[in-house]
């Protein structure tokens, strides 16, 4: 049986993944930090609920 992931662990993974994505490409985060945070929270929720970091 797969290990349950906590929201805090999922959020850490979502932040790390999005930061690496921005570093590797020619990207920058959206200039409003609250929007970036909301997207990262959504990625974390998807990881907890569905087992994957993805945007629907």
N, C-alpha and C. Protein backbone atom coordinates (compact mmCIF):
# COMPACT_ATOMS: atom_id res chain seq x y z
N UNK A 1 0.85 -1.19 0.00
CA UNK A 1 0.00 0.00 0.00
C UNK A 1 0.89 1.25 0.00
N UNK A 2 0.60 2.22 -0.88
CA UNK A 2 1.42 3.44 -0.95
C UNK A 2 1.32 4.26 0.33
N UNK A 3 2.42 4.92 0.66
CA UNK A 3 2.48 5.79 1.84
C UNK A 3 1.63 7.04 1.58
N UNK A 4 0.86 7.42 2.59
CA UNK A 4 0.08 8.65 2.50
C UNK A 4 1.03 9.84 2.60
N UNK A 5 0.82 10.82 1.76
CA UNK A 5 1.66 12.02 1.79
C UNK A 5 0.86 13.13 2.47
N UNK A 6 1.53 13.87 3.34
CA UNK A 6 0.86 14.99 4.00
C UNK A 6 0.83 16.20 3.07
N UNK A 7 -0.08 17.11 3.36
CA UNK A 7 -0.15 18.32 2.55
C UNK A 7 1.15 19.11 2.64
N UNK A 8 1.74 19.19 3.83
CA UNK A 8 3.00 19.95 3.98
C UNK A 8 4.12 19.35 3.14
N UNK A 9 4.21 18.01 3.13
CA UNK A 9 5.22 17.36 2.28
C UNK A 9 4.93 17.62 0.80
N UNK A 10 3.67 17.54 0.44
CA UNK A 10 3.27 17.77 -0.95
C UNK A 10 3.57 19.21 -1.35
N UNK A 11 3.32 20.15 -0.46
CA UNK A 11 3.60 21.56 -0.76
C UNK A 11 5.10 21.80 -0.94
N UNK A 12 5.90 21.18 -0.11
CA UNK A 12 7.35 21.28 -0.26
C UNK A 12 7.78 20.76 -1.62
N UNK A 13 7.24 19.63 -2.03
CA UNK A 13 7.57 19.06 -3.35
C UNK A 13 7.10 19.97 -4.47
N UNK A 14 5.90 20.53 -4.34
CA UNK A 14 5.36 21.41 -5.38
C UNK A 14 6.21 22.67 -5.52
N UNK A 15 6.63 23.25 -4.41
CA UNK A 15 7.47 24.44 -4.47
C UNK A 15 8.82 24.12 -5.09
N UNK A 16 9.42 23.01 -4.67
CA UNK A 16 10.72 22.62 -5.20
C UNK A 16 10.63 22.36 -6.71
N UNK A 17 9.59 21.66 -7.14
CA UNK A 17 9.42 21.36 -8.56
C UNK A 17 9.23 22.63 -9.37
N UNK A 18 8.39 23.55 -8.89
CA UNK A 18 8.15 24.77 -9.66
C UNK A 18 9.39 25.67 -9.69
N UNK A 19 10.13 25.71 -8.60
CA UNK A 19 11.37 26.51 -8.58
C UNK A 19 12.40 25.95 -9.55
N UNK A 20 12.55 24.62 -9.59
CA UNK A 20 13.49 24.01 -10.53
C UNK A 20 13.04 24.24 -11.97
N UNK A 21 11.75 24.19 -12.21
CA UNK A 21 11.21 24.41 -13.55
C UNK A 21 11.57 25.81 -14.03
N UNK A 22 11.41 26.80 -13.15
CA UNK A 22 11.74 28.19 -13.50
C UNK A 22 13.25 28.35 -13.71
N UNK A 23 14.05 27.71 -12.86
CA UNK A 23 15.52 27.81 -12.99
C UNK A 23 16.03 27.24 -14.31
N UNK A 24 15.47 26.11 -14.74
CA UNK A 24 15.97 25.41 -15.92
C UNK A 24 15.57 26.07 -17.23
N UNK A 25 14.47 26.76 -17.25
CA UNK A 25 14.00 27.35 -18.49
C UNK A 25 14.20 28.85 -18.50
N UNK A 26 13.67 29.44 -19.52
CA UNK A 26 13.73 30.91 -19.61
C UNK A 26 12.43 31.48 -19.06
N UNK A 27 12.09 31.05 -17.85
CA UNK A 27 10.82 31.42 -17.23
C UNK A 27 11.05 32.27 -16.00
N UNK A 28 10.02 32.98 -15.59
CA UNK A 28 10.00 33.69 -14.32
C UNK A 28 8.63 33.42 -13.69
N UNK A 29 8.59 33.51 -12.37
CA UNK A 29 7.30 33.37 -11.70
C UNK A 29 6.42 34.58 -11.99
N UNK A 30 5.13 34.36 -11.95
CA UNK A 30 4.16 35.43 -12.09
C UNK A 30 4.49 36.49 -11.04
N UNK A 31 4.37 37.77 -11.36
CA UNK A 31 4.82 38.82 -10.44
C UNK A 31 4.00 38.99 -9.16
N UNK A 32 2.88 38.29 -9.05
CA UNK A 32 2.07 38.38 -7.83
C UNK A 32 2.29 37.10 -7.02
N UNK A 33 3.06 37.18 -5.92
CA UNK A 33 3.40 35.97 -5.14
C UNK A 33 2.19 35.18 -4.66
N UNK A 34 1.09 35.86 -4.38
CA UNK A 34 -0.10 35.15 -3.89
C UNK A 34 -0.68 34.22 -4.97
N UNK A 35 -0.52 34.59 -6.23
CA UNK A 35 -0.98 33.75 -7.34
C UNK A 35 -0.06 32.53 -7.46
N UNK A 36 1.24 32.74 -7.36
CA UNK A 36 2.20 31.63 -7.41
C UNK A 36 1.91 30.66 -6.27
N UNK A 37 1.66 31.19 -5.09
CA UNK A 37 1.36 30.36 -3.93
C UNK A 37 0.08 29.55 -4.15
N UNK A 38 -0.91 30.16 -4.74
CA UNK A 38 -2.18 29.46 -5.01
C UNK A 38 -1.96 28.30 -5.99
N UNK A 39 -1.16 28.52 -7.01
CA UNK A 39 -0.86 27.46 -7.97
C UNK A 39 -0.09 26.33 -7.28
N UNK A 40 0.89 26.67 -6.47
CA UNK A 40 1.66 25.66 -5.76
C UNK A 40 0.78 24.88 -4.79
N UNK A 41 -0.15 25.56 -4.13
CA UNK A 41 -1.11 24.87 -3.26
C UNK A 41 -1.98 23.91 -4.06
N UNK A 42 -2.40 24.33 -5.24
CA UNK A 42 -3.20 23.45 -6.09
C UNK A 42 -2.43 22.22 -6.54
N UNK A 43 -1.16 22.40 -6.88
CA UNK A 43 -0.33 21.26 -7.25
C UNK A 43 -0.19 20.29 -6.07
N UNK A 44 0.00 20.84 -4.87
CA UNK A 44 0.12 20.01 -3.67
C UNK A 44 -1.17 19.25 -3.40
N UNK A 45 -2.31 19.91 -3.55
CA UNK A 45 -3.60 19.23 -3.36
C UNK A 45 -3.78 18.10 -4.36
N UNK A 46 -3.36 18.32 -5.59
CA UNK A 46 -3.46 17.27 -6.60
C UNK A 46 -2.57 16.08 -6.23
N UNK A 47 -1.40 16.35 -5.68
CA UNK A 47 -0.52 15.27 -5.27
C UNK A 47 -1.15 14.46 -4.14
N UNK A 48 -1.72 15.13 -3.16
CA UNK A 48 -2.36 14.44 -2.04
C UNK A 48 -3.58 13.66 -2.52
N UNK A 49 -4.41 14.29 -3.35
CA UNK A 49 -5.69 13.69 -3.74
C UNK A 49 -5.57 12.68 -4.88
N UNK A 50 -4.61 12.89 -5.78
CA UNK A 50 -4.55 12.06 -6.99
C UNK A 50 -3.20 11.37 -7.20
N UNK A 51 -2.21 11.72 -6.37
CA UNK A 51 -0.91 11.07 -6.48
C UNK A 51 0.02 11.66 -7.50
N UNK A 52 -0.34 12.82 -8.09
CA UNK A 52 0.50 13.43 -9.11
C UNK A 52 0.53 14.95 -8.95
N UNK A 53 1.69 15.54 -9.24
CA UNK A 53 1.81 17.00 -9.31
C UNK A 53 1.43 17.40 -10.73
N UNK A 54 0.25 17.88 -10.93
CA UNK A 54 -0.15 18.30 -12.27
C UNK A 54 -1.24 19.35 -12.18
N UNK A 55 -1.36 20.08 -13.26
CA UNK A 55 -2.47 21.02 -13.40
C UNK A 55 -3.51 20.34 -14.30
N UNK A 56 -4.75 20.39 -13.91
CA UNK A 56 -5.78 19.74 -14.75
C UNK A 56 -5.97 20.43 -16.06
